[in-house]
Amino acid sequence: MRRLSGRSRVVVISALSALVVATGLVVAWGVGVFSSQGEIAAADVCEQVPNRGEVAKTLHAVLPKVSEYSFDESGGPTDNPRFHYFCLVDGSDGPLLDMDVRPTSLGDNWKEWEIQAVNDVDALYTRDLSPFPAGEHAVASSRTAAIADPCFSADGKAGGGQRFSLTTVVKARKPLRLSDDKARSALMRLVADLGRKMHKDAQCDVPSRLTGK
């Protein structure tokens, strides 16, 4: 067998090293190691969401990493108990999170309220919901947070002898990049801040039970 000279061995080792590095780069690219995460600026966040700068930072830190984020907003609070507000956070791979606000008139049947408020067909977002102290009634999991807060009185703006609560829901359409406990806490903060602002913007005639600013 012919032995390689010192210089030849160096050339062969260098070639093999380059091959290993190139293979590693190809594998890394395939699994997304070098895929860049899109930015989220305060101005990108839906206009009617409070504290847009803080929300932008939070969403950028917890949402799945995708190359681009976009926001779509419709509706908004009015002094009529028939309004509907919706904010969708979309990613290059599909919907990531949505925020939904609307008055509801389910009274104190909270189990029915949970199902209808979350509007979930396959129970993905109602699974593992547990109560937390906010508004009239509030529940959350690692994928969903929902709050009912008194808004329109039966003998006031709502009329017809029927009172309306303001239902605010934040739903992670894809799992957040957090542990279940931390994801639940993040959604609870988002839903409480949004519900508090929407109660004010809707000019509800019943005081809010949401504490804080």
Protein backbone atom coordinates (compact mmCIF):
# COMPACT_ATOMS: atom_id res chain seq x y z
CA MET A 1 0.00 0.00 0.00
CA ARG A 2 1.30 3.40 -0.94
CA ARG A 3 1.75 5.74 1.99
CA LEU A 4 0.73 9.35 1.75
CA SER A 5 3.31 12.00 2.25
CA GLY A 6 2.87 14.53 5.06
CA ARG A 7 1.59 17.16 2.67
CA SER A 8 -0.87 14.73 1.06
CA ARG A 9 -2.24 13.74 4.46
CA VAL A 10 -2.87 17.40 5.29
CA VAL A 11 -4.73 17.88 2.00
CA VAL A 12 -6.90 14.79 2.61
CA ILE A 13 -7.69 15.78 6.22
CA SER A 14 -8.57 19.31 5.11
CA ALA A 15 -10.85 17.97 2.40
CA LEU A 16 -12.59 15.63 4.84
CA SER A 17 -13.02 18.46 7.37
CA ALA A 18 -14.54 20.70 4.73
CA LEU A 19 -16.93 17.89 3.75
CA VAL A 20 -18.02 17.41 7.37
CA VAL A 21 -18.58 21.15 7.82
CA ALA A 22 -20.53 21.40 4.56
CA THR A 23 -22.70 18.42 5.55
CA GLY A 24 -23.34 19.99 8.94
CA LEU A 25 -24.38 23.26 7.31
CA VAL A 26 -26.80 21.46 5.01
CA VAL A 27 -28.34 19.55 7.94
CA ALA A 28 -28.55 22.71 10.06
CA TRP A 29 -30.25 24.59 7.24
CA GLY A 30 -32.70 21.72 6.80
CA VAL A 31 -33.78 21.74 10.46
CA GLY A 32 -34.02 25.52 10.54
CA VAL A 33 -31.03 26.40 12.71
CA PHE A 34 -30.23 29.38 10.51
CA SER A 35 -33.80 30.43 9.77
CA SER A 36 -34.26 34.02 10.90
CA GLN A 37 -37.17 35.17 13.03
CA GLY A 38 -39.23 38.04 11.74
CA GLU A 39 -39.53 41.22 13.77
CA ILE A 40 -42.62 42.58 15.53
CA ALA A 41 -42.76 46.33 16.08
CA ALA A 42 -45.26 48.21 18.21
CA ALA A 43 -46.77 49.72 15.06
CA ASP A 44 -47.40 46.21 13.69
CA VAL A 45 -49.68 45.20 16.56
CA CYS A 46 -53.44 45.68 16.09
CA GLU A 47 -54.27 49.32 16.80
CA GLN A 48 -56.90 48.69 19.47
CA VAL A 49 -54.68 46.40 21.57
CA PRO A 50 -53.33 48.23 24.66
CA ASN A 51 -49.62 48.66 25.43
CA ARG A 52 -48.63 47.79 21.88
CA GLY A 53 -44.91 48.14 22.55
CA GLU A 54 -44.98 45.66 25.43
CA VAL A 55 -47.29 43.32 23.53
CA ALA A 56 -44.91 43.37 20.55
CA LYS A 57 -42.01 42.32 22.80
CA THR A 58 -44.08 39.61 24.48
CA LEU A 59 -45.37 38.13 21.23
CA HIS A 60 -41.92 38.15 19.64
CA ALA A 61 -40.57 36.26 22.66
CA VAL A 62 -43.31 33.63 22.94
CA LEU A 63 -44.78 32.99 19.50
CA PRO A 64 -43.31 30.28 17.25
CA LYS A 65 -40.31 31.53 15.29
CA VAL A 66 -41.32 32.30 11.72
CA SER A 67 -39.77 34.48 9.06
CA GLU A 68 -42.65 36.96 8.98
CA TYR A 69 -45.52 38.07 11.23
CA SER A 70 -48.63 39.98 10.20
CA PHE A 71 -51.63 41.39 12.06
CA ASP A 72 -55.22 41.76 10.89
CA GLU A 73 -57.88 43.65 12.84
CA SER A 74 -61.63 44.00 12.40
CA GLY A 75 -64.53 45.54 14.30
CA GLY A 76 -64.19 47.34 17.59
CA PRO A 77 -66.03 48.23 20.79
CA THR A 78 -69.11 50.43 20.64
CA ASP A 79 -71.83 51.30 23.13
CA ASN A 80 -74.07 48.76 21.41
CA PRO A 81 -74.06 45.22 22.90
CA ARG A 82 -73.81 43.66 19.46
CA PHE A 83 -70.25 44.65 18.56
CA HIS A 84 -67.47 42.20 17.80
CA TYR A 85 -63.72 42.85 17.85
CA PHE A 86 -61.13 40.49 16.37
CA CYS A 87 -57.35 40.64 16.04
CA LEU A 88 -55.43 37.87 14.27
CA VAL A 89 -51.68 37.32 14.46
CA ASP A 90 -50.60 35.40 11.37
CA GLY A 91 -47.25 33.85 10.55
CA SER A 92 -45.61 32.62 7.39
CA ASP A 93 -46.79 29.12 8.39
CA GLY A 94 -50.39 30.07 9.27
CA PRO A 95 -52.39 31.61 12.15
CA LEU A 96 -50.50 31.87 15.45
CA LEU A 97 -52.76 33.71 17.91
CA ASP A 98 -56.06 35.54 17.97
CA MET A 99 -57.88 37.95 20.29
CA ASP A 100 -61.66 38.06 20.32
CA VAL A 101 -63.99 40.43 22.23
CA ARG A 102 -67.77 40.46 22.20
CA PRO A 103 -70.67 40.98 24.63
CA THR A 104 -72.39 37.75 25.69
CA SER A 105 -75.58 37.06 27.60
CA LEU A 106 -75.10 33.62 29.12
CA GLY A 107 -75.73 34.71 32.69
CA ASP A 108 -74.11 32.48 35.29
CA ASN A 109 -73.94 29.23 33.31
CA TRP A 110 -70.16 29.32 33.23
CA LYS A 111 -69.54 25.88 31.75
CA GLU A 112 -71.71 26.77 28.77
CA TRP A 113 -69.97 30.14 28.61
CA GLU A 114 -66.54 28.48 28.46
CA ILE A 115 -67.55 26.32 25.50
CA GLN A 116 -69.30 29.12 23.62
CA ALA A 117 -66.75 31.82 24.45
CA VAL A 118 -63.81 29.76 23.25
CA ASN A 119 -65.93 28.55 20.30
CA ASP A 120 -64.04 25.30 20.07
CA VAL A 121 -65.27 22.31 18.08
CA ASP A 122 -62.59 19.73 18.86
CA ALA A 123 -62.01 20.76 22.51
CA LEU A 124 -58.36 21.58 21.85
CA TYR A 125 -58.66 25.01 23.44
CA THR A 126 -61.08 24.09 26.24
CA ARG A 127 -58.86 21.23 27.43
CA ASP A 128 -57.17 21.79 30.81
CA LEU A 129 -58.92 25.11 31.45
CA SER A 130 -58.83 26.15 35.09
CA PRO A 131 -60.21 29.28 36.82
CA PHE A 132 -58.18 32.35 37.74
CA PRO A 133 -59.37 35.46 39.63
CA ALA A 134 -60.50 38.12 37.14
CA GLY A 135 -63.77 39.73 36.16
CA GLU A 136 -66.96 37.76 36.82
CA HIS A 137 -65.41 34.52 35.67
CA ALA A 138 -62.10 33.66 34.05
CA VAL A 139 -60.37 30.50 32.88
CA ALA A 140 -57.05 29.77 31.26
CA SER A 141 -54.76 27.02 29.98
CA SER A 142 -51.51 26.99 28.05
CA ARG A 143 -53.48 27.62 24.84
CA THR A 144 -56.40 29.84 25.89
CA ALA A 145 -57.39 32.57 28.33
CA ALA A 146 -60.93 33.93 28.61
CA ILE A 147 -62.60 36.51 30.86
CA ALA A 148 -66.23 37.52 31.36
CA ASP A 149 -66.59 41.02 32.80
CA PRO A 150 -69.92 42.81 33.52
CA CYS A 151 -70.65 45.43 30.90
CA PHE A 152 -74.22 46.31 29.86
CA SER A 153 -77.03 46.26 32.45
CA ALA A 154 -80.44 44.74 31.74
CA ASP A 155 -82.23 48.05 32.28
CA GLY A 156 -79.52 50.16 30.65
CA LYS A 157 -77.89 50.06 27.24
CA ALA A 158 -78.65 46.39 26.65
CA GLY A 159 -82.37 46.78 27.19
CA GLY A 160 -84.88 43.98 26.92
CA GLY A 161 -84.27 42.87 30.49
CA GLN A 162 -81.08 41.04 29.49
CA ARG A 163 -77.65 41.89 30.84
CA PHE A 164 -74.46 41.44 28.85
CA SER A 165 -70.97 40.55 30.00
CA LEU A 166 -67.94 41.45 27.93
CA THR A 167 -66.20 38.24 26.89
CA THR A 168 -62.54 38.56 25.97
CA VAL A 169 -60.61 35.57 24.65
CA VAL A 170 -56.96 35.18 23.67
CA LYS A 171 -56.18 31.92 21.92
CA ALA A 172 -52.77 30.53 20.93
CA ARG A 173 -53.45 28.79 17.64
CA LYS A 174 -50.04 27.13 17.89
CA PRO A 175 -48.21 26.26 21.13
CA LEU A 176 -46.16 29.08 22.63
CA ARG A 177 -42.40 28.73 23.16
CA LEU A 178 -42.89 28.47 26.93
CA SER A 179 -43.64 25.89 29.58
CA ASP A 180 -47.37 25.29 30.12
CA ASP A 181 -47.39 27.36 33.33
CA LYS A 182 -45.57 30.31 31.77
CA ALA A 183 -47.71 30.15 28.63
CA ARG A 184 -50.85 30.26 30.80
CA SER A 185 -49.51 33.29 32.69
CA ALA A 186 -48.63 35.12 29.47
CA LEU A 187 -52.11 34.57 28.03
CA MET A 188 -53.73 35.66 31.31
CA ARG A 189 -51.85 38.98 31.19
CA LEU A 190 -52.77 39.58 27.56
CA VAL A 191 -56.47 38.81 28.05
CA ALA A 192 -56.78 40.91 31.22
CA ASP A 193 -55.14 43.97 29.63
CA LEU A 194 -57.27 43.67 26.50
CA GLY A 195 -60.49 43.12 28.45
CA ARG A 196 -59.81 46.13 30.67
CA LYS A 197 -59.30 48.45 27.68
CA MET A 198 -62.27 47.09 25.75
CA HIS A 199 -64.56 47.58 28.76
CA LYS A 200 -63.55 51.25 28.84
CA ASP A 201 -63.78 51.74 25.06
CA ALA A 202 -67.23 50.14 24.92
CA GLN A 203 -68.50 52.63 27.50
CA CYS A 204 -70.06 49.86 29.57
CA ASP A 205 -72.65 51.06 32.08
CA VAL A 206 -71.65 48.44 34.69
CA PRO A 207 -68.27 48.85 36.43
CA SER A 208 -65.50 46.45 35.50
CA ARG A 209 -64.31 43.85 37.98
CA LEU A 210 -60.87 43.78 36.39
CA THR A 211 -58.31 45.37 38.68
CA GLY A 212 -55.24 47.28 37.57
CA LYS A 213 -54.71 50.16 35.18
